[in-house]
Structures are given as structure tokens and as C-alpha cells.
Amino acid sequence: MTLTEIGSGGTVNADITLTGYDRTTEILTTFAVVPPHRVLAARTVAHVPASDPGIVGVYPLQPEEAASIAALASTTIDLDRYDYCIEAIARETTPMTGAAASR
């Protein structure tokens, strides 16, 4: 199956997210959506290569990079408890905002 076969209308809808993985269990535990107008800056901070325009990969972040992207997403993070990445998380409809985005 190709990415274009997933989702409605033959396209994938995704939010670019700052994800936090529990250091003990390595389970995705927390995430914050990067607002669309801040994605380019987040890509730069995370050193996402131009060869990955949709951020299909998962990019581990250094603590200072995670903190910078958290500021772009207007959220706080816990660098002692979580390891952070930037990645795309698929969604079915409109971008996640508010409480749903800060789980």
C-alpha cells in the first residue's frame, strides 16, 4: 500500500508533531502539534532533510532542539522524563488543536 492510498480522497492528512517517548518504556506518551505556520522553522531546527518534504521519517531531537520546537508549538516539555522527536501523525479530518493536541 502506498501513502496515497491511505485516508479520504487518496491523500494522507497529518499533523507535524513534537512527540515525547517515555524514557523507561519507550512508549509514545505525549505530543504537541506544531502549528502549520511554524512547520518550516521546526523542520530547520530538527535538521529534516529536503528529501523528506512531508516529514515521513521520525527525527530524534537533542534537548535544545526539543525545547526550541516546544516553544514554536507553544507548549512545555519534560526533558528529564521524555525523549523527543518530530514526526507526522496521521489524522482523519482537521488539524488537532487545544486539549486534544496536548495529550
N, C-alpha and C. Protein backbone atom coordinates (compact mmCIF):
# COMPACT_ATOMS: atom_id res chain seq x y z
N MET A 1 0.85 -1.18 0.00
CA MET A 1 0.00 0.00 0.00
C MET A 1 0.89 1.24 0.00
N THR A 2 0.55 2.23 -0.80
CA THR A 2 1.29 3.49 -0.83
C THR A 2 0.60 4.51 0.04
N LEU A 3 1.32 5.56 0.37
CA LEU A 3 0.74 6.61 1.22
C LEU A 3 -0.48 7.25 0.58
N THR A 4 -0.50 7.33 -0.72
CA THR A 4 -1.64 7.98 -1.36
C THR A 4 -2.91 7.15 -1.26
N GLU A 5 -2.80 5.88 -0.86
CA GLU A 5 -3.98 5.05 -0.72
C GLU A 5 -4.61 5.16 0.67
N ILE A 6 -3.95 5.87 1.55
CA ILE A 6 -4.46 6.00 2.91
C ILE A 6 -5.23 7.30 3.03
N GLY A 7 -6.35 7.28 3.75
CA GLY A 7 -7.10 8.50 4.02
C GLY A 7 -8.15 8.78 2.96
N SER A 8 -8.96 9.76 3.24
CA SER A 8 -10.03 10.12 2.31
C SER A 8 -9.46 10.93 1.16
N GLY A 9 -10.04 10.75 0.00
CA GLY A 9 -9.62 11.50 -1.18
C GLY A 9 -8.27 11.09 -1.72
N GLY A 10 -7.74 9.96 -1.26
CA GLY A 10 -6.46 9.48 -1.77
C GLY A 10 -5.25 10.19 -1.22
N THR A 11 -5.40 10.98 -0.17
CA THR A 11 -4.26 11.66 0.42
C THR A 11 -4.21 11.42 1.91
N VAL A 12 -3.04 11.61 2.47
CA VAL A 12 -2.86 11.47 3.91
C VAL A 12 -2.95 12.86 4.52
N ASN A 13 -3.75 12.99 5.55
CA ASN A 13 -3.79 14.22 6.33
C ASN A 13 -2.99 13.95 7.59
N ALA A 14 -2.04 14.81 7.87
CA ALA A 14 -1.19 14.59 9.03
C ALA A 14 -0.84 15.91 9.68
N ASP A 15 -0.58 15.82 10.97
CA ASP A 15 -0.08 16.96 11.73
C ASP A 15 1.40 16.71 12.00
N ILE A 16 2.21 17.73 11.86
CA ILE A 16 3.61 17.63 12.26
C ILE A 16 3.62 17.85 13.76
N THR A 17 4.20 16.88 14.47
CA THR A 17 4.10 16.89 15.92
C THR A 17 5.46 16.77 16.59
N LEU A 18 5.52 17.33 17.77
CA LEU A 18 6.63 17.12 18.70
C LEU A 18 6.16 15.98 19.59
N THR A 19 6.79 14.83 19.48
CA THR A 19 6.37 13.66 20.23
C THR A 19 7.33 13.38 21.37
N GLY A 20 6.77 12.90 22.48
CA GLY A 20 7.58 12.55 23.64
C GLY A 20 7.42 11.08 23.97
N TYR A 21 8.55 10.38 24.00
CA TYR A 21 8.57 8.95 24.31
C TYR A 21 9.13 8.76 25.71
N ASP A 22 8.39 8.03 26.54
CA ASP A 22 8.82 7.74 27.90
C ASP A 22 10.19 7.06 27.86
N ARG A 23 11.12 7.57 28.64
CA ARG A 23 12.49 7.03 28.61
C ARG A 23 12.56 5.60 29.15
N THR A 24 11.66 5.23 30.03
CA THR A 24 11.68 3.90 30.60
C THR A 24 11.03 2.87 29.69
N THR A 25 9.84 3.19 29.19
CA THR A 25 9.07 2.22 28.40
C THR A 25 9.22 2.40 26.89
N GLU A 26 9.72 3.57 26.46
CA GLU A 26 9.84 3.93 25.05
C GLU A 26 8.47 4.02 24.36
N ILE A 27 7.42 4.22 25.13
CA ILE A 27 6.06 4.36 24.60
C ILE A 27 5.79 5.83 24.33
N LEU A 28 5.15 6.10 23.18
CA LEU A 28 4.72 7.46 22.88
C LEU A 28 3.72 7.87 23.94
N THR A 29 4.04 8.91 24.68
CA THR A 29 3.23 9.29 25.83
C THR A 29 2.63 10.67 25.70
N THR A 30 3.31 11.55 25.01
CA THR A 30 2.84 12.93 24.92
C THR A 30 3.17 13.50 23.54
N PHE A 31 2.35 14.43 23.10
CA PHE A 31 2.66 15.09 21.83
C PHE A 31 2.02 16.47 21.80
N ALA A 32 2.57 17.31 20.95
CA ALA A 32 2.02 18.64 20.70
C ALA A 32 2.12 18.91 19.21
N VAL A 33 1.07 19.42 18.64
CA VAL A 33 1.05 19.73 17.22
C VAL A 33 1.79 21.04 16.97
N VAL A 34 2.64 21.01 15.97
CA VAL A 34 3.33 22.23 15.54
C VAL A 34 2.37 22.96 14.60
N PRO A 35 2.03 24.22 14.91
CA PRO A 35 1.11 24.95 14.02
C PRO A 35 1.67 25.01 12.60
N PRO A 36 0.79 24.90 11.60
CA PRO A 36 1.25 24.88 10.21
C PRO A 36 2.20 26.03 9.84
N HIS A 37 1.96 27.22 10.39
CA HIS A 37 2.83 28.35 10.04
C HIS A 37 4.20 28.28 10.73
N ARG A 38 4.41 27.29 11.60
CA ARG A 38 5.68 27.11 12.30
C ARG A 38 6.44 25.86 11.84
N VAL A 39 5.86 25.09 10.92
CA VAL A 39 6.47 23.82 10.50
C VAL A 39 7.82 24.04 9.84
N LEU A 40 7.96 25.04 8.99
CA LEU A 40 9.23 25.29 8.32
C LEU A 40 10.33 25.55 9.34
N ALA A 41 10.04 26.34 10.34
CA ALA A 41 11.03 26.62 11.39
C ALA A 41 11.36 25.34 12.16
N ALA A 42 10.35 24.53 12.46
CA ALA A 42 10.58 23.27 13.17
C ALA A 42 11.44 22.32 12.33
N ARG A 43 11.17 22.26 11.03
CA ARG A 43 11.98 21.42 10.13
C ARG A 43 13.44 21.84 10.19
N THR A 44 13.68 23.13 10.20
CA THR A 44 15.04 23.65 10.23
C THR A 44 15.73 23.27 11.54
N VAL A 45 15.05 23.49 12.65
CA VAL A 45 15.61 23.15 13.97
C VAL A 45 15.94 21.67 14.05
N ALA A 46 15.06 20.82 13.52
CA ALA A 46 15.23 19.36 13.60
C ALA A 46 16.14 18.79 12.52
N HIS A 47 16.62 19.63 11.61
CA HIS A 47 17.50 19.20 10.53
C HIS A 47 16.85 18.13 9.64
N VAL A 48 15.55 18.33 9.36
CA VAL A 48 14.84 17.41 8.45
C VAL A 48 15.36 17.67 7.04
N PRO A 49 15.82 16.63 6.36
CA PRO A 49 16.39 16.86 5.02
C PRO A 49 15.34 17.24 3.99
N ALA A 50 15.77 17.96 2.98
CA ALA A 50 14.87 18.36 1.90
C ALA A 50 14.29 17.15 1.17
N SER A 51 14.96 16.03 1.27
CA SER A 51 14.48 14.80 0.62
C SER A 51 13.26 14.20 1.33
N ASP A 52 12.86 14.79 2.45
CA ASP A 52 11.68 14.33 3.19
C ASP A 52 10.71 15.50 3.39
N PRO A 53 10.10 15.98 2.29
CA PRO A 53 9.25 17.18 2.39
C PRO A 53 8.02 17.02 3.25
N GLY A 54 7.49 15.81 3.38
CA GLY A 54 6.29 15.59 4.20
C GLY A 54 6.59 15.12 5.60
N ILE A 55 7.86 15.10 5.96
CA ILE A 55 8.32 14.59 7.25
C ILE A 55 7.71 13.21 7.49
N VAL A 56 8.05 12.28 6.60
CA VAL A 56 7.59 10.90 6.72
C VAL A 56 8.42 10.18 7.77
N GLY A 57 9.67 10.58 7.93
CA GLY A 57 10.55 9.95 8.91
C GLY A 57 10.28 10.44 10.32
N VAL A 58 10.94 9.81 11.25
CA VAL A 58 10.90 10.22 12.66
C VAL A 58 12.30 10.74 12.98
N TYR A 59 12.37 11.97 13.48
CA TYR A 59 13.65 12.62 13.70
C TYR A 59 13.87 12.88 15.19
N PRO A 60 14.75 12.08 15.82
CA PRO A 60 15.07 12.30 17.23
C PRO A 60 15.69 13.68 17.41
N LEU A 61 15.38 14.28 18.55
CA LEU A 61 15.85 15.63 18.82
C LEU A 61 16.78 15.67 20.02
N GLN A 62 17.76 16.55 19.94
CA GLN A 62 18.58 16.86 21.10
C GLN A 62 17.74 17.72 22.04
N PRO A 63 18.07 17.77 23.32
CA PRO A 63 17.25 18.54 24.26
C PRO A 63 17.02 20.00 23.85
N GLU A 64 18.05 20.66 23.35
CA GLU A 64 17.88 22.06 22.96
C GLU A 64 16.99 22.19 21.73
N GLU A 65 17.04 21.22 20.83
CA GLU A 65 16.16 21.24 19.66
C GLU A 65 14.71 21.02 20.09
N ALA A 66 14.50 20.07 21.00
CA ALA A 66 13.15 19.80 21.51
C ALA A 66 12.59 21.04 22.20
N ALA A 67 13.41 21.72 22.97
CA ALA A 67 12.96 22.93 23.66
C ALA A 67 12.59 24.03 22.66
N SER A 68 13.36 24.17 21.60
CA SER A 68 13.06 25.18 20.58
C SER A 68 11.75 24.87 19.86
N ILE A 69 11.54 23.61 19.53
CA ILE A 69 10.31 23.24 18.83
C ILE A 69 9.12 23.34 19.78
N ALA A 70 9.31 23.03 21.05
CA ALA A 70 8.24 23.20 22.03
C ALA A 70 7.80 24.67 22.09
N ALA A 71 8.76 25.57 22.03
CA ALA A 71 8.41 26.99 22.02
C ALA A 71 7.61 27.35 20.78
N LEU A 72 7.99 26.78 19.63
CA LEU A 72 7.24 27.02 18.39
C LEU A 72 5.81 26.51 18.51
N ALA A 73 5.63 25.41 19.25
CA ALA A 73 4.31 24.80 19.43
C ALA A 73 3.58 25.35 20.64
N SER A 74 4.17 26.33 21.30
CA SER A 74 3.58 26.95 22.50
C SER A 74 3.22 25.92 23.56
N THR A 75 4.18 25.05 23.86
CA THR A 75 3.95 24.02 24.86
C THR A 75 5.18 23.89 25.74
N THR A 76 5.02 23.21 26.85
CA THR A 76 6.15 22.92 27.73
C THR A 76 6.49 21.44 27.61
N ILE A 77 7.73 21.10 27.90
CA ILE A 77 8.16 19.71 27.81
C ILE A 77 8.94 19.33 29.06
N ASP A 78 9.09 18.03 29.27
CA ASP A 78 9.82 17.48 30.41
C ASP A 78 11.02 16.71 29.88
N LEU A 79 12.16 17.38 29.81
CA LEU A 79 13.35 16.77 29.24
C LEU A 79 13.94 15.66 30.11
N ASP A 80 13.58 15.63 31.38
CA ASP A 80 14.08 14.59 32.27
C ASP A 80 13.32 13.28 32.10
N ARG A 81 12.08 13.35 31.66
CA ARG A 81 11.23 12.17 31.59
C ARG A 81 11.07 11.59 30.18
N TYR A 82 11.16 12.44 29.17
CA TYR A 82 10.87 12.02 27.81
C TYR A 82 12.02 12.28 26.85
N ASP A 83 12.12 11.44 25.84
CA ASP A 83 12.96 11.69 24.67
C ASP A 83 12.03 12.21 23.59
N TYR A 84 12.45 13.23 22.87
CA TYR A 84 11.57 13.89 21.91
C TYR A 84 12.00 13.67 20.47
N CYS A 85 10.99 13.67 19.59
CA CYS A 85 11.18 13.55 18.15
C CYS A 85 10.23 14.51 17.47
N ILE A 86 10.48 14.76 16.20
CA ILE A 86 9.49 15.43 15.36
C ILE A 86 9.07 14.41 14.31
N GLU A 87 7.77 14.32 14.10
CA GLU A 87 7.24 13.35 13.15
C GLU A 87 5.82 13.75 12.75
N ALA A 88 5.34 13.13 11.69
CA ALA A 88 3.96 13.36 11.25
C ALA A 88 3.07 12.30 11.88
N ILE A 89 1.93 12.72 12.39
CA ILE A 89 0.94 11.79 12.92
C ILE A 89 -0.33 11.97 12.10
N ALA A 90 -0.79 10.88 11.52
CA ALA A 90 -1.97 10.92 10.64
C ALA A 90 -3.21 11.33 11.42
N ARG A 91 -4.08 12.04 10.73
CA ARG A 91 -5.37 12.42 11.29
C ARG A 91 -6.43 12.22 10.22
N GLU A 92 -7.66 12.16 10.65
CA GLU A 92 -8.74 11.91 9.69
C GLU A 92 -9.38 13.17 9.16
N THR A 93 -9.40 14.25 9.93
CA THR A 93 -10.10 15.45 9.49
C THR A 93 -9.23 16.68 9.63
N THR A 94 -9.65 17.63 10.43
CA THR A 94 -8.95 18.91 10.55
C THR A 94 -7.80 18.81 11.54
N PRO A 95 -6.86 19.75 11.48
CA PRO A 95 -5.72 19.73 12.40
C PRO A 95 -6.19 19.73 13.86
N MET A 96 -5.44 19.01 14.69
CA MET A 96 -5.76 18.96 16.12
C MET A 96 -5.34 20.25 16.77
N THR A 97 -6.17 20.75 17.67
CA THR A 97 -5.83 21.96 18.41
C THR A 97 -6.31 21.80 19.84
N GLY A 98 -5.91 22.72 20.67
CA GLY A 98 -6.40 22.76 22.04
C GLY A 98 -6.03 21.53 22.85
N ALA A 99 -6.95 21.08 23.70
CA ALA A 99 -6.70 19.98 24.63
C ALA A 99 -6.34 18.69 23.89
N ALA A 100 -6.95 18.44 22.76
CA ALA A 100 -6.68 17.20 22.03
C ALA A 100 -5.23 17.14 21.55
N ALA A 101 -4.65 18.29 21.29
CA ALA A 101 -3.29 18.33 20.78
C ALA A 101 -2.25 18.26 21.87
N SER A 102 -2.63 18.44 23.12
CA SER A 102 -1.64 18.49 24.19
C SER A 102 -1.67 17.27 25.09
N ARG A 103 -2.20 16.17 24.60
CA ARG A 103 -2.22 14.94 25.40
C ARG A 103 -0.86 14.46 25.75
